[in-house]
């Protein structure tokens, strides 16, 4: 029995930003039916991730490293050169308490999850 598995392909723009991801066969991408095949980067082969991270809209494709990299959540976050994912610059405390990241102090702050989310969590958020 032959199992036929499709792959995911990410279309990147001139700035190497992923604009969309589709499930398709290589022949379909190569046909040009979705535009220039050079703008499509294979992200998975069946269920195997090929470029460290699954491609997603808004991610960047780094041609030199041949990886998809997500957005940097906060200015202080650092890129892990093995996983190509952004990480906190400081490890969270391991004392059993609950913490959230506070970019203003570039560190973890203790937080009571029964309280409303403090404004330091996402300064771009608006309740309007």
PDB file of N, CA and C in Angstrom:
ATOM      1  N   UNK A   1       0.837  -1.182   0.000  1.00  0.00           N
ATOM      2  CA  UNK A   1       0.000   0.000   0.000  1.00  0.00           C
ATOM      3  C   UNK A   1       0.882   1.246   0.000  1.00  0.00           C
ATOM      4  N   UNK A   2       0.567   2.196  -0.850  1.00  0.00           N
ATOM      5  CA  UNK A   2       1.313   3.445  -0.955  1.00  0.00           C
ATOM      6  C   UNK A   2       0.530   4.539  -0.253  1.00  0.00           C
ATOM      7  N   UNK A   3       1.197   5.243   0.643  1.00  0.00           N
ATOM      8  CA  UNK A   3       0.578   6.378   1.324  1.00  0.00           C
ATOM      9  C   UNK A   3       1.116   7.641   0.668  1.00  0.00           C
ATOM     10  N   UNK A   4       0.220   8.478   0.192  1.00  0.00           N
ATOM     11  CA  UNK A   4       0.595   9.687  -0.509  1.00  0.00           C
ATOM     12  C   UNK A   4       0.428  10.856   0.454  1.00  0.00           C
ATOM     13  N   UNK A   5       1.539  11.502   0.807  1.00  0.00           N
ATOM     14  CA  UNK A   5       1.479  12.599   1.763  1.00  0.00           C
ATOM     15  C   UNK A   5       1.895  13.903   1.099  1.00  0.00           C
ATOM     16  N   UNK A   6       1.110  14.934   1.332  1.00  0.00           N
ATOM     17  CA  UNK A   6       1.440  16.250   0.806  1.00  0.00           C
ATOM     18  C   UNK A   6       2.398  16.962   1.742  1.00  0.00           C
ATOM     19  N   UNK A   7       2.958  18.030   1.248  1.00  0.00           N
ATOM     20  CA  UNK A   7       3.881  18.848   2.019  1.00  0.00           C
ATOM     21  C   UNK A   7       3.326  20.257   2.144  1.00  0.00           C
ATOM     22  N   UNK A   8       3.866  21.016   3.079  1.00  0.00           N
ATOM     23  CA  UNK A   8       3.468  22.417   3.182  1.00  0.00           C
ATOM     24  C   UNK A   8       4.542  23.283   2.539  1.00  0.00           C
ATOM     25  N   UNK A   9       4.082  24.326   1.877  1.00  0.00           N
ATOM     26  CA  UNK A   9       4.961  25.272   1.195  1.00  0.00           C
ATOM     27  C   UNK A   9       4.606  26.682   1.641  1.00  0.00           C
ATOM     28  N   UNK A  10       5.631  27.487   1.864  1.00  0.00           N
ATOM     29  CA  UNK A  10       5.431  28.876   2.271  1.00  0.00           C
ATOM     30  C   UNK A  10       5.796  29.800   1.129  1.00  0.00           C
ATOM     31  N   UNK A  11       4.899  30.722   0.825  1.00  0.00           N
ATOM     32  CA  UNK A  11       5.211  31.745  -0.170  1.00  0.00           C
ATOM     33  C   UNK A  11       5.874  32.913   0.552  1.00  0.00           C
ATOM     34  N   UNK A  12       7.028  33.327   0.057  1.00  0.00           N
ATOM     35  CA  UNK A  12       7.719  34.458   0.671  1.00  0.00           C
ATOM     36  C   UNK A  12       7.732  35.638  -0.296  1.00  0.00           C
ATOM     37  N   UNK A  13       7.706  36.841   0.276  1.00  0.00           N
ATOM     38  CA  UNK A  13       7.760  38.035  -0.558  1.00  0.00           C
ATOM     39  C   UNK A  13       9.216  38.466  -0.761  1.00  0.00           C
ATOM     40  N   UNK A  14       9.418  39.630  -1.351  1.00  0.00           N
ATOM     41  CA  UNK A  14      10.775  40.096  -1.663  1.00  0.00           C
ATOM     42  C   UNK A  14      11.609  40.385  -0.415  1.00  0.00           C
ATOM     43  N   UNK A  15      10.951  40.504   0.738  1.00  0.00           N
ATOM     44  CA  UNK A  15      11.662  40.732   2.010  1.00  0.00           C
ATOM     45  C   UNK A  15      11.809  39.443   2.814  1.00  0.00           C
ATOM     46  N   UNK A  16      11.510  38.306   2.174  1.00  0.00           N
ATOM     47  CA  UNK A  16      11.591  36.979   2.799  1.00  0.00           C
ATOM     48  C   UNK A  16      10.601  36.784   3.941  1.00  0.00           C
ATOM     49  N   UNK A  17       9.485  37.492   3.891  1.00  0.00           N
ATOM     50  CA  UNK A  17       8.421  37.332   4.872  1.00  0.00           C
ATOM     51  C   UNK A  17       7.396  36.354   4.301  1.00  0.00           C
ATOM     52  N   UNK A  18       6.950  35.412   5.131  1.00  0.00           N
ATOM     53  CA  UNK A  18       5.947  34.437   4.706  1.00  0.00           C
ATOM     54  C   UNK A  18       4.598  35.144   4.576  1.00  0.00           C
ATOM     55  N   UNK A  19       4.004  35.064   3.386  1.00  0.00           N
ATOM     56  CA  UNK A  19       2.708  35.695   3.165  1.00  0.00           C
ATOM     57  C   UNK A  19       1.558  34.693   3.219  1.00  0.00           C
ATOM     58  N   UNK A  20       1.856  33.423   2.952  1.00  0.00           N
ATOM     59  CA  UNK A  20       0.842  32.369   3.099  1.00  0.00           C
ATOM     60  C   UNK A  20       1.529  31.015   3.059  1.00  0.00           C
ATOM     61  N   UNK A  21       0.813  30.030   3.605  1.00  0.00           N
ATOM     62  CA  UNK A  21       1.295  28.648   3.631  1.00  0.00           C
ATOM     63  C   UNK A  21       0.179  27.771   3.091  1.00  0.00           C
ATOM     64  N   UNK A  22       0.539  26.860   2.198  1.00  0.00           N
ATOM     65  CA  UNK A  22      -0.459  25.953   1.626  1.00  0.00           C
ATOM     66  C   UNK A  22       0.053  24.513   1.709  1.00  0.00           C
ATOM     67  N   UNK A  23      -0.862  23.579   1.596  1.00  0.00           N
ATOM     68  CA  UNK A  23      -0.531  22.160   1.480  1.00  0.00           C
ATOM     69  C   UNK A  23      -0.619  21.819   0.002  1.00  0.00           C
ATOM     70  N   UNK A  24       0.460  21.265  -0.540  1.00  0.00           N
ATOM     71  CA  UNK A  24       0.484  20.989  -1.980  1.00  0.00           C
ATOM     72  C   UNK A  24       1.542  19.942  -2.294  1.00  0.00           C
ATOM     73  N   UNK A  25       1.505  19.499  -3.519  1.00  0.00           N
ATOM     74  CA  UNK A  25       2.540  18.612  -4.043  1.00  0.00           C
ATOM     75  C   UNK A  25       3.583  19.459  -4.757  1.00  0.00           C
ATOM     76  N   UNK A  26       4.804  18.984  -4.806  1.00  0.00           N
ATOM     77  CA  UNK A  26       5.896  19.710  -5.442  1.00  0.00           C
ATOM     78  C   UNK A  26       5.593  20.012  -6.909  1.00  0.00           C
ATOM     79  N   UNK A  27       4.997  19.047  -7.617  1.00  0.00           N
ATOM     80  CA  UNK A  27       4.661  19.255  -9.028  1.00  0.00           C
ATOM     81  C   UNK A  27       3.714  20.439  -9.214  1.00  0.00           C
ATOM     82  N   UNK A  28       2.776  20.609  -8.267  1.00  0.00           N
ATOM     83  CA  UNK A  28       1.833  21.714  -8.346  1.00  0.00           C
ATOM     84  C   UNK A  28       2.565  23.049  -8.170  1.00  0.00           C
ATOM     85  N   UNK A  29       3.457  23.125  -7.178  1.00  0.00           N
ATOM     86  CA  UNK A  29       4.244  24.349  -6.952  1.00  0.00           C
ATOM     87  C   UNK A  29       5.094  24.639  -8.180  1.00  0.00           C
ATOM     88  N   UNK A  30       5.772  23.605  -8.687  1.00  0.00           N
ATOM     89  CA  UNK A  30       6.659  23.768  -9.846  1.00  0.00           C
ATOM     90  C   UNK A  30       5.912  24.147 -11.124  1.00  0.00           C
ATOM     91  N   UNK A  31       4.602  23.884 -11.175  1.00  0.00           N
ATOM     92  CA  UNK A  31       3.822  24.195 -12.375  1.00  0.00           C
ATOM     93  C   UNK A  31       3.639  25.700 -12.577  1.00  0.00           C
ATOM     94  N   UNK A  32       3.832  26.465 -11.520  1.00  0.00           N
ATOM     95  CA  UNK A  32       3.618  27.902 -11.612  1.00  0.00           C
ATOM     96  C   UNK A  32       2.179  28.312 -11.389  1.00  0.00           C
ATOM     97  N   UNK A  33       1.311  27.379 -11.057  1.00  0.00           N
ATOM     98  CA  UNK A  33      -0.098  27.689 -10.839  1.00  0.00           C
ATOM     99  C   UNK A  33      -0.305  28.676  -9.690  1.00  0.00           C
ATOM    100  N   UNK A  34       0.649  28.727  -8.771  1.00  0.00           N
ATOM    101  CA  UNK A  34       0.552  29.645  -7.629  1.00  0.00           C
ATOM    102  C   UNK A  34       1.550  30.793  -7.745  1.00  0.00           C
ATOM    103  N   UNK A  35       2.050  31.038  -8.939  1.00  0.00           N
ATOM    104  CA  UNK A  35       3.035  32.092  -9.132  1.00  0.00           C
ATOM    105  C   UNK A  35       4.425  31.497  -9.286  1.00  0.00           C
ATOM    106  N   UNK A  36       5.411  32.340  -9.222  1.00  0.00           N
ATOM    107  CA  UNK A  36       6.792  31.926  -9.436  1.00  0.00           C
ATOM    108  C   UNK A  36       7.213  30.875  -8.406  1.00  0.00           C
ATOM    109  N   UNK A  37       7.589  29.673  -8.837  1.00  0.00           N
ATOM    110  CA  UNK A  37       8.008  28.621  -7.906  1.00  0.00           C
ATOM    111  C   UNK A  37       9.192  29.031  -7.018  1.00  0.00           C
ATOM    112  N   UNK A  38       9.990  30.007  -7.470  1.00  0.00           N
ATOM    113  CA  UNK A  38      11.132  30.460  -6.658  1.00  0.00           C
ATOM    114  C   UNK A  38      10.689  31.163  -5.382  1.00  0.00           C
ATOM    115  N   UNK A  39       9.423  31.602  -5.348  1.00  0.00           N
ATOM    116  CA  UNK A  39       8.891  32.280  -4.160  1.00  0.00           C
ATOM    117  C   UNK A  39       8.303  31.313  -3.142  1.00  0.00           C
ATOM    118  N   UNK A  40       8.374  30.015  -3.430  1.00  0.00           N
ATOM    119  CA  UNK A  40       7.792  29.011  -2.534  1.00  0.00           C
ATOM    120  C   UNK A  40       8.900  28.178  -1.914  1.00  0.00           C
ATOM    121  N   UNK A  41       8.873  28.082  -0.582  1.00  0.00           N
ATOM    122  CA  UNK A  41       9.861  27.315   0.173  1.00  0.00           C
ATOM    123  C   UNK A  41       9.134  26.165   0.860  1.00  0.00           C
ATOM    124  N   UNK A  42       9.617  24.971   0.667  1.00  0.00           N
ATOM    125  CA  UNK A  42       8.991  23.811   1.307  1.00  0.00           C
ATOM    126  C   UNK A  42       9.265  23.864   2.805  1.00  0.00           C
ATOM    127  N   UNK A  43       8.209  23.740   3.584  1.00  0.00           N
ATOM    128  CA  UNK A  43       8.316  23.801   5.044  1.00  0.00           C
ATOM    129  C   UNK A  43       8.299  22.410   5.680  1.00  0.00           C
ATOM    130  N   UNK A  44       7.469  21.527   5.122  1.00  0.00           N
ATOM    131  CA  UNK A  44       7.394  20.162   5.643  1.00  0.00           C
ATOM    132  C   UNK A  44       7.423  19.173   4.491  1.00  0.00           C
ATOM    133  N   UNK A  45       7.816  17.950   4.809  1.00  0.00           N
ATOM    134  CA  UNK A  45       7.743  16.830   3.877  1.00  0.00           C
ATOM    135  C   UNK A  45       6.878  15.804   4.584  1.00  0.00           C
ATOM    136  N   UNK A  46       5.599  15.785   4.221  1.00  0.00           N
ATOM    137  CA  UNK A  46       4.661  14.969   4.980  1.00  0.00           C
ATOM    138  C   UNK A  46       4.531  15.569   6.368  1.00  0.00           C
ATOM    139  N   UNK A  47       4.875  14.786   7.380  1.00  0.00           N
ATOM    140  CA  UNK A  47       4.784  15.304   8.747  1.00  0.00           C
ATOM    141  C   UNK A  47       6.155  15.656   9.329  1.00  0.00           C
ATOM    142  N   UNK A  48       7.170  15.794   8.483  1.00  0.00           N
ATOM    143  CA  UNK A  48       8.529  16.119   8.934  1.00  0.00           C
ATOM    144  C   UNK A  48       8.821  17.593   8.661  1.00  0.00           C
ATOM    145  N   UNK A  49       9.183  18.340   9.701  1.00  0.00           N
ATOM    146  CA  UNK A  49       9.553  19.746   9.546  1.00  0.00           C
ATOM    147  C   UNK A  49      10.959  19.823   8.976  1.00  0.00           C
ATOM    148  N   UNK A  50      11.119  20.577   7.891  1.00  0.00           N
ATOM    149  CA  UNK A  50      12.398  20.624   7.192  1.00  0.00           C
ATOM    150  C   UNK A  50      13.300  21.783   7.606  1.00  0.00           C
ATOM    151  N   UNK A  51      12.728  22.861   8.099  1.00  0.00           N
ATOM    152  CA  UNK A  51      13.521  24.068   8.337  1.00  0.00           C
ATOM    153  C   UNK A  51      13.371  24.572   9.767  1.00  0.00           C
ATOM    154  N   UNK A  52      13.673  23.690  10.711  1.00  0.00           N
ATOM    155  CA  UNK A  52      13.643  23.949  12.158  1.00  0.00           C
ATOM    156  C   UNK A  52      12.252  24.250  12.696  1.00  0.00           C
ATOM    157  N   UNK A  53      11.537  25.199  12.076  1.00  0.00           N
ATOM    158  CA  UNK A  53      10.215  25.590  12.547  1.00  0.00           C
ATOM    159  C   UNK A  53       9.213  25.513  11.405  1.00  0.00           C
ATOM    160  N   UNK A  54       7.978  25.173  11.734  1.00  0.00           N
ATOM    161  CA  UNK A  54       6.920  25.201  10.731  1.00  0.00           C
ATOM    162  C   UNK A  54       6.746  26.633  10.260  1.00  0.00           C
ATOM    163  N   UNK A  55       6.588  26.824   8.976  1.00  0.00           N
ATOM    164  CA  UNK A  55       6.367  28.164   8.447  1.00  0.00           C
ATOM    165  C   UNK A  55       4.992  28.654   8.852  1.00  0.00           C
ATOM    166  N   UNK A  56       4.903  29.939   9.113  1.00  0.00           N
ATOM    167  CA  UNK A  56       3.636  30.571   9.443  1.00  0.00           C
ATOM    168  C   UNK A  56       3.615  31.984   8.888  1.00  0.00           C
ATOM    169  N   UNK A  57       2.428  32.458   8.617  1.00  0.00           N
ATOM    170  CA  UNK A  57       2.270  33.810   8.069  1.00  0.00           C
ATOM    171  C   UNK A  57       2.965  34.822   8.975  1.00  0.00           C
ATOM    172  N   UNK A  58       3.752  35.702   8.376  1.00  0.00           N
ATOM    173  CA  UNK A  58       4.452  36.739   9.127  1.00  0.00           C
ATOM    174  C   UNK A  58       5.846  36.341   9.578  1.00  0.00           C
ATOM    175  N   UNK A  59       6.180  35.066   9.478  1.00  0.00           N
ATOM    176  CA  UNK A  59       7.524  34.624   9.852  1.00  0.00           C
ATOM    177  C   UNK A  59       8.516  35.061   8.779  1.00  0.00           C
ATOM    178  N   UNK A  60       9.793  35.028   9.116  1.00  0.00           N
ATOM    179  CA  UNK A  60      10.852  35.371   8.174  1.00  0.00           C
ATOM    180  C   UNK A  60      11.566  34.102   7.753  1.00  0.00           C
ATOM    181  N   UNK A  61      11.861  34.007   6.454  1.00  0.00           N
ATOM    182  CA  UNK A  61      12.688  32.911   5.963  1.00  0.00           C
ATOM    183  C   UNK A  61      14.114  33.436   5.858  1.00  0.00           C
ATOM    184  N   UNK A  62      15.030  32.836   6.608  1.00  0.00           N
ATOM    185  CA  UNK A  62      16.438  33.219   6.563  1.00  0.00           C
ATOM    186  C   UNK A  62      17.129  32.295   5.570  1.00  0.00           C
ATOM    187  N   UNK A  63      17.466  32.842   4.407  1.00  0.00           N
ATOM    188  CA  UNK A  63      18.064  32.035   3.340  1.00  0.00           C
ATOM    189  C   UNK A  63      19.434  31.493   3.725  1.00  0.00           C
ATOM    190  N   UNK A  64      20.237  32.297   4.416  1.00  0.00           N
ATOM    191  CA  UNK A  64      21.582  31.856   4.791  1.00  0.00           C
ATOM    192  C   UNK A  64      21.551  30.656   5.728  1.00  0.00           C
ATOM    193  N   UNK A  65      20.583  30.647   6.636  1.00  0.00           N
ATOM    194  CA  UNK A  65      20.478  29.551   7.608  1.00  0.00           C
ATOM    195  C   UNK A  65      19.461  28.498   7.190  1.00  0.00           C
ATOM    196  N   UNK A  66      18.672  28.803   6.155  1.00  0.00           N
ATOM    197  CA  UNK A  66      17.640  27.910   5.645  1.00  0.00           C
ATOM    198  C   UNK A  66      16.648  27.519   6.736  1.00  0.00           C
ATOM    199  N   UNK A  67      16.129  28.543   7.423  1.00  0.00           N
ATOM    200  CA  UNK A  67      15.179  28.322   8.522  1.00  0.00           C
ATOM    201  C   UNK A  67      14.076  29.376   8.494  1.00  0.00           C
ATOM    202  N   UNK A  68      12.946  29.021   9.090  1.00  0.00           N
ATOM    203  CA  UNK A  68      11.872  29.979   9.329  1.00  0.00           C
ATOM    204  C   UNK A  68      12.001  30.463  10.767  1.00  0.00           C
ATOM    205  N   UNK A  69      11.912  31.782  10.948  1.00  0.00           N
ATOM    206  CA  UNK A  69      12.070  32.387  12.266  1.00  0.00           C
ATOM    207  C   UNK A  69      10.837  33.244  12.550  1.00  0.00           C
ATOM    208  N   UNK A  70      10.249  33.041  13.720  1.00  0.00           N
ATOM    209  CA  UNK A  70       9.079  33.813  14.122  1.00  0.00           C
ATOM    210  C   UNK A  70       9.431  35.228  14.542  1.00  0.00           C
ATOM    211  N   UNK A  71       8.420  36.003  14.842  1.00  0.00           N
ATOM    212  CA  UNK A  71       8.612  37.383  15.274  1.00  0.00           C
ATOM    213  C   UNK A  71       9.236  37.418  16.666  1.00  0.00           C
ATOM    214  N   UNK A  72      10.005  38.454  16.905  1.00  0.00           N
ATOM    215  CA  UNK A  72      10.629  38.662  18.207  1.00  0.00           C
ATOM    216  C   UNK A  72       9.572  39.263  19.135  1.00  0.00           C
ATOM    217  N   UNK A  73       9.172  38.541  20.195  1.00  0.00           N
ATOM    218  CA  UNK A  73       8.069  39.016  21.030  1.00  0.00           C
ATOM    219  C   UNK A  73       8.383  40.284  21.824  1.00  0.00           C
ATOM    220  N   UNK A  74       9.618  40.414  22.277  1.00  0.00           N
ATOM    221  CA  UNK A  74      10.048  41.583  23.037  1.00  0.00           C
ATOM    222  C   UNK A  74      11.464  41.938  22.604  1.00  0.00           C
ATOM    223  N   UNK A  75      11.848  43.208  22.682  1.00  0.00           N
ATOM    224  CA  UNK A  75      13.193  43.611  22.254  1.00  0.00           C
ATOM    225  C   UNK A  75      14.325  42.881  22.977  1.00  0.00           C
ATOM    226  N   UNK A  76      14.114  42.490  24.223  1.00  0.00           N
ATOM    227  CA  UNK A  76      15.191  41.844  24.990  1.00  0.00           C
ATOM    228  C   UNK A  76      15.388  40.367  24.655  1.00  0.00           C
ATOM    229  N   UNK A  77      14.425  39.753  23.980  1.00  0.00           N
ATOM    230  CA  UNK A  77      14.530  38.322  23.694  1.00  0.00           C
ATOM    231  C   UNK A  77      15.706  38.042  22.768  1.00  0.00           C
ATOM    232  N   UNK A  78      16.294  36.862  22.919  1.00  0.00           N
ATOM    233  CA  UNK A  78      17.460  36.468  22.128  1.00  0.00           C
ATOM    234  C   UNK A  78      17.123  35.235  21.289  1.00  0.00           C
ATOM    235  N   UNK A  79      17.739  35.167  20.122  1.00  0.00           N
ATOM    236  CA  UNK A  79      17.489  34.051  19.221  1.00  0.00           C
ATOM    237  C   UNK A  79      18.359  32.867  19.610  1.00  0.00           C
ATOM    238  N   UNK A  80      17.720  31.727  19.863  1.00  0.00           N
ATOM    239  CA  UNK A  80      18.436  30.494  20.146  1.00  0.00           C
ATOM    240  C   UNK A  80      18.948  29.971  18.802  1.00  0.00           C
ATOM    241  N   UNK A  81      20.263  29.870  18.658  1.00  0.00           N
ATOM    242  CA  UNK A  81      20.875  29.491  17.381  1.00  0.00           C
ATOM    243  C   UNK A  81      20.717  28.001  17.047  1.00  0.00           C
ATOM    244  N   UNK A  82      20.169  27.217  17.966  1.00  0.00           N
ATOM    245  CA  UNK A  82      19.909  25.803  17.681  1.00  0.00           C
ATOM    246  C   UNK A  82      18.467  25.578  17.251  1.00  0.00           C
ATOM    247  N   UNK A  83      17.529  26.229  17.949  1.00  0.00           N
ATOM    248  CA  UNK A  83      16.109  26.047  17.644  1.00  0.00           C
ATOM    249  C   UNK A  83      15.569  27.136  16.726  1.00  0.00           C
ATOM    250  N   UNK A  84      16.263  28.243  16.628  1.00  0.00           N
ATOM    251  CA  UNK A  84      15.827  29.421  15.876  1.00  0.00           C
ATOM    252  C   UNK A  84      14.483  29.932  16.368  1.00  0.00           C
ATOM    253  N   UNK A  85      14.329  29.885  17.695  1.00  0.00           N
ATOM    254  CA  UNK A  85      13.170  30.463  18.356  1.00  0.00           C
ATOM    255  C   UNK A  85      13.692  31.496  19.355  1.00  0.00           C
ATOM    256  N   UNK A  86      12.900  32.557  19.553  1.00  0.00           N
ATOM    257  CA  UNK A  86      13.296  33.587  20.513  1.00  0.00           C
ATOM    258  C   UNK A  86      13.002  33.110  21.931  1.00  0.00           C
ATOM    259  N   UNK A  87      13.921  33.447  22.840  1.00  0.00           N
ATOM    260  CA  UNK A  87      13.803  33.038  24.236  1.00  0.00           C
ATOM    261  C   UNK A  87      14.037  34.221  25.159  1.00  0.00           C
ATOM    262  N   UNK A  88      13.530  34.073  26.374  1.00  0.00           N
ATOM    263  CA  UNK A  88      13.766  35.087  27.405  1.00  0.00           C
ATOM    264  C   UNK A  88      15.269  35.184  27.675  1.00  0.00           C
ATOM    265  N   UNK A  89      15.775  36.380  27.931  1.00  0.00           N
ATOM    266  CA  UNK A  89      17.205  36.511  28.237  1.00  0.00           C
ATOM    267  C   UNK A  89      17.555  36.047  29.652  1.00  0.00           C
ATOM    268  N   UNK A  90      16.536  35.831  30.475  1.00  0.00           N
ATOM    269  CA  UNK A  90      16.723  35.387  31.852  1.00  0.00           C
ATOM    270  C   UNK A  90      15.806  34.185  32.082  1.00  0.00           C
ATOM    271  N   UNK A  91      16.345  33.122  32.635  1.00  0.00           N
ATOM    272  CA  UNK A  91      15.532  31.931  32.916  1.00  0.00           C
ATOM    273  C   UNK A  91      14.499  32.255  34.000  1.00  0.00           C
ATOM    274  N   UNK A  92      13.307  31.669  33.917  1.00  0.00           N
ATOM    275  CA  UNK A  92      12.304  31.923  34.958  1.00  0.00           C
ATOM    276  C   UNK A  92      12.718  31.294  36.285  1.00  0.00           C
ATOM    277  N   UNK A  93      12.324  31.912  37.395  1.00  0.00           N
ATOM    278  CA  UNK A  93      12.632  31.321  38.706  1.00  0.00           C
ATOM    279  C   UNK A  93      11.995  29.934  38.830  1.00  0.00           C
ATOM    280  N   UNK A  94      12.641  29.079  39.580  1.00  0.00           N
ATOM    281  CA  UNK A  94      12.150  27.718  39.787  1.00  0.00           C
ATOM    282  C   UNK A  94      11.843  27.526  41.264  1.00  0.00           C
ATOM    283  N   UNK A  95      10.876  28.321  41.755  1.00  0.00           N
ATOM    284  CA  UNK A  95      10.558  28.274  43.184  1.00  0.00           C
ATOM    285  C   UNK A  95       9.098  27.930  43.452  1.00  0.00           C
ATOM    286  N   UNK A  96       8.385  27.485  42.403  1.00  0.00           N
ATOM    287  CA  UNK A  96       7.002  27.074  42.574  1.00  0.00           C
ATOM    288  C   UNK A  96       6.000  28.213  42.494  1.00  0.00           C
ATOM    289  N   UNK A  97       6.465  29.454  42.430  1.00  0.00           N
ATOM    290  CA  UNK A  97       5.562  30.598  42.321  1.00  0.00           C
ATOM    291  C   UNK A  97       5.261  30.860  40.846  1.00  0.00           C
ATOM    292  N   UNK A  98       4.253  31.681  40.604  1.00  0.00           N
ATOM    293  CA  UNK A  98       3.878  32.023  39.233  1.00  0.00           C
ATOM    294  C   UNK A  98       4.509  33.359  38.845  1.00  0.00           C
ATOM    295  N   UNK A  99       5.009  33.395  37.604  1.00  0.00           N
ATOM    296  CA  UNK A  99       5.679  34.599  37.110  1.00  0.00           C
ATOM    297  C   UNK A  99       5.226  34.906  35.694  1.00  0.00           C
ATOM    298  N   UNK A 100       5.342  36.187  35.337  1.00  0.00           N
ATOM    299  CA  UNK A 100       5.174  36.611  33.953  1.00  0.00           C
ATOM    300  C   UNK A 100       6.384  37.464  33.599  1.00  0.00           C
ATOM    301  N   UNK A 101       6.608  37.615  32.304  1.00  0.00           N
ATOM    302  CA  UNK A 101       7.740  38.413  31.828  1.00  0.00           C
ATOM    303  C   UNK A 101       7.364  39.888  31.855  1.00  0.00           C
ATOM    304  N   UNK A 102       8.250  40.726  32.411  1.00  0.00           N
ATOM    305  CA  UNK A 102       8.055  42.177  32.431  1.00  0.00           C
ATOM    306  C   UNK A 102       9.201  42.810  31.660  1.00  0.00           C
ATOM    307  N   UNK A 103       8.900  43.277  30.474  1.00  0.00           N
ATOM    308  CA  UNK A 103       9.929  43.847  29.604  1.00  0.00           C
ATOM    309  C   UNK A 103      10.507  45.141  30.167  1.00  0.00           C
ATOM    310  N   UNK A 104       9.730  45.860  30.973  1.00  0.00           N
ATOM    311  CA  UNK A 104      10.230  47.110  31.547  1.00  0.00           C
ATOM    312  C   UNK A 104      11.439  46.882  32.459  1.00  0.00           C
ATOM    313  N   UNK A 105      11.448  45.761  33.155  1.00  0.00           N
ATOM    314  CA  UNK A 105      12.582  45.457  34.048  1.00  0.00           C
ATOM    315  C   UNK A 105      13.448  44.342  33.482  1.00  0.00           C
ATOM    316  N   UNK A 106      13.071  43.826  32.321  1.00  0.00           N
ATOM    317  CA  UNK A 106      13.775  42.738  31.631  1.00  0.00           C
ATOM    318  C   UNK A 106      14.021  41.578  32.598  1.00  0.00           C
ATOM    319  N   UNK A 107      12.919  41.144  33.201  1.00  0.00           N
ATOM    320  CA  UNK A 107      13.002  40.038  34.143  1.00  0.00           C
ATOM    321  C   UNK A 107      11.602  39.509  34.433  1.00  0.00           C
ATOM    322  N   UNK A 108      11.557  38.430  35.161  1.00  0.00           N
ATOM    323  CA  UNK A 108      10.305  37.816  35.583  1.00  0.00           C
ATOM    324  C   UNK A 108       9.797  38.521  36.829  1.00  0.00           C
ATOM    325  N   UNK A 109       8.472  38.699  36.915  1.00  0.00           N
ATOM    326  CA  UNK A 109       7.860  39.262  38.121  1.00  0.00           C
ATOM    327  C   UNK A 109       6.784  38.299  38.589  1.00  0.00           C
ATOM    328  N   UNK A 110       6.688  38.181  39.899  1.00  0.00           N
ATOM    329  CA  UNK A 110       5.681  37.298  40.475  1.00  0.00           C
ATOM    330  C   UNK A 110       4.297  37.825  40.125  1.00  0.00           C
ATOM    331  N   UNK A 111       3.384  36.897  39.847  1.00  0.00           N
ATOM    332  CA  UNK A 111       2.060  37.312  39.404  1.00  0.00           C
ATOM    333  C   UNK A 111       0.987  36.397  39.957  1.00  0.00           C
ATOM    334  N   UNK A 112      -0.098  37.022  40.428  1.00  0.00           N
ATOM    335  CA  UNK A 112      -1.269  36.295  40.902  1.00  0.00           C
ATOM    336  C   UNK A 112      -2.239  36.197  39.729  1.00  0.00           C
ATOM    337  N   UNK A 113      -2.426  34.995  39.190  1.00  0.00           N
ATOM    338  CA  UNK A 113      -3.242  34.804  37.995  1.00  0.00           C
ATOM    339  C   UNK A 113      -4.733  35.060  38.230  1.00  0.00           C
ATOM    340  N   UNK A 114      -5.129  35.273  39.476  1.00  0.00           N
ATOM    341  CA  UNK A 114      -6.523  35.616  39.745  1.00  0.00           C
ATOM    342  C   UNK A 114      -6.775  37.110  39.542  1.00  0.00           C
ATOM    343  N   UNK A 115      -5.720  37.871  39.340  1.00  0.00           N
ATOM    344  CA  UNK A 115      -5.824  39.317  39.127  1.00  0.00           C
ATOM    345  C   UNK A 115      -5.821  39.615  37.624  1.00  0.00           C
ATOM    346  N   UNK A 116      -6.310  40.813  37.236  1.00  0.00           N
ATOM    347  CA  UNK A 116      -6.252  41.187  35.809  1.00  0.00           C
ATOM    348  C   UNK A 116      -4.803  41.245  35.324  1.00  0.00           C
ATOM    349  N   UNK A 117      -4.610  40.993  34.058  1.00  0.00           N
ATOM    350  CA  UNK A 117      -3.272  41.018  33.469  1.00  0.00           C
ATOM    351  C   UNK A 117      -2.705  42.432  33.557  1.00  0.00           C
ATOM    352  N   UNK A 118      -1.495  42.568  34.090  1.00  0.00           N
ATOM    353  CA  UNK A 118      -0.904  43.912  34.201  1.00  0.00           C
ATOM    354  C   UNK A 118      -0.551  44.469  32.818  1.00  0.00           C
ATOM    355  N   UNK A 119      -0.456  45.795  32.708  1.00  0.00           N
ATOM    356  CA  UNK A 119      -0.183  46.391  31.400  1.00  0.00           C
ATOM    357  C   UNK A 119       1.190  46.040  30.837  1.00  0.00           C
ATOM    358  N   UNK A 120       2.113  45.578  31.664  1.00  0.00           N
ATOM    359  CA  UNK A 120       3.452  45.248  31.159  1.00  0.00           C
ATOM    360  C   UNK A 120       3.420  44.026  30.252  1.00  0.00           C
ATOM    361  N   UNK A 121       2.334  43.239  30.326  1.00  0.00           N
ATOM    362  CA  UNK A 121       2.273  42.010  29.533  1.00  0.00           C
ATOM    363  C   UNK A 121       2.249  42.306  28.046  1.00  0.00           C
ATOM    364  N   UNK A 122       1.406  43.220  27.627  1.00  0.00           N
ATOM    365  CA  UNK A 122       1.316  43.536  26.204  1.00  0.00           C
ATOM    366  C   UNK A 122       0.905  44.989  26.054  1.00  0.00           C
ATOM    367  N   UNK A 123       1.866  45.855  25.865  1.00  0.00           N
ATOM    368  CA  UNK A 123       1.597  47.281  25.776  1.00  0.00           C
ATOM    369  C   UNK A 123       0.806  47.660  24.529  1.00  0.00           C
ATOM    370  N   UNK A 124       0.744  46.755  23.535  1.00  0.00           N
ATOM    371  CA  UNK A 124      -0.013  47.048  22.332  1.00  0.00           C
ATOM    372  C   UNK A 124      -1.486  46.654  22.442  1.00  0.00           C
ATOM    373  N   UNK A 125      -1.849  46.026  23.547  1.00  0.00           N
ATOM    374  CA  UNK A 125      -3.211  45.561  23.729  1.00  0.00           C
ATOM    375  C   UNK A 125      -4.120  46.712  24.113  1.00  0.00           C
ATOM    376  N   UNK A 126      -5.313  46.691  23.579  1.00  0.00           N
ATOM    377  CA  UNK A 126      -6.306  47.708  23.908  1.00  0.00           C
ATOM    378  C   UNK A 126      -7.640  47.017  24.090  1.00  0.00           C
ATOM    379  N   UNK A 127      -8.397  47.470  25.064  1.00  0.00           N
ATOM    380  CA  UNK A 127      -9.713  46.873  25.311  1.00  0.00           C
ATOM    381  C   UNK A 127     -10.803  47.584  24.523  1.00  0.00           C
ATOM    382  N   UNK A 128     -10.440  48.452  23.609  1.00  0.00           N
ATOM    383  CA  UNK A 128     -11.442  49.191  22.823  1.00  0.00           C
ATOM    384  C   UNK A 128     -12.169  48.270  21.885  1.00  0.00           C
TER     385      UNK A 128
END
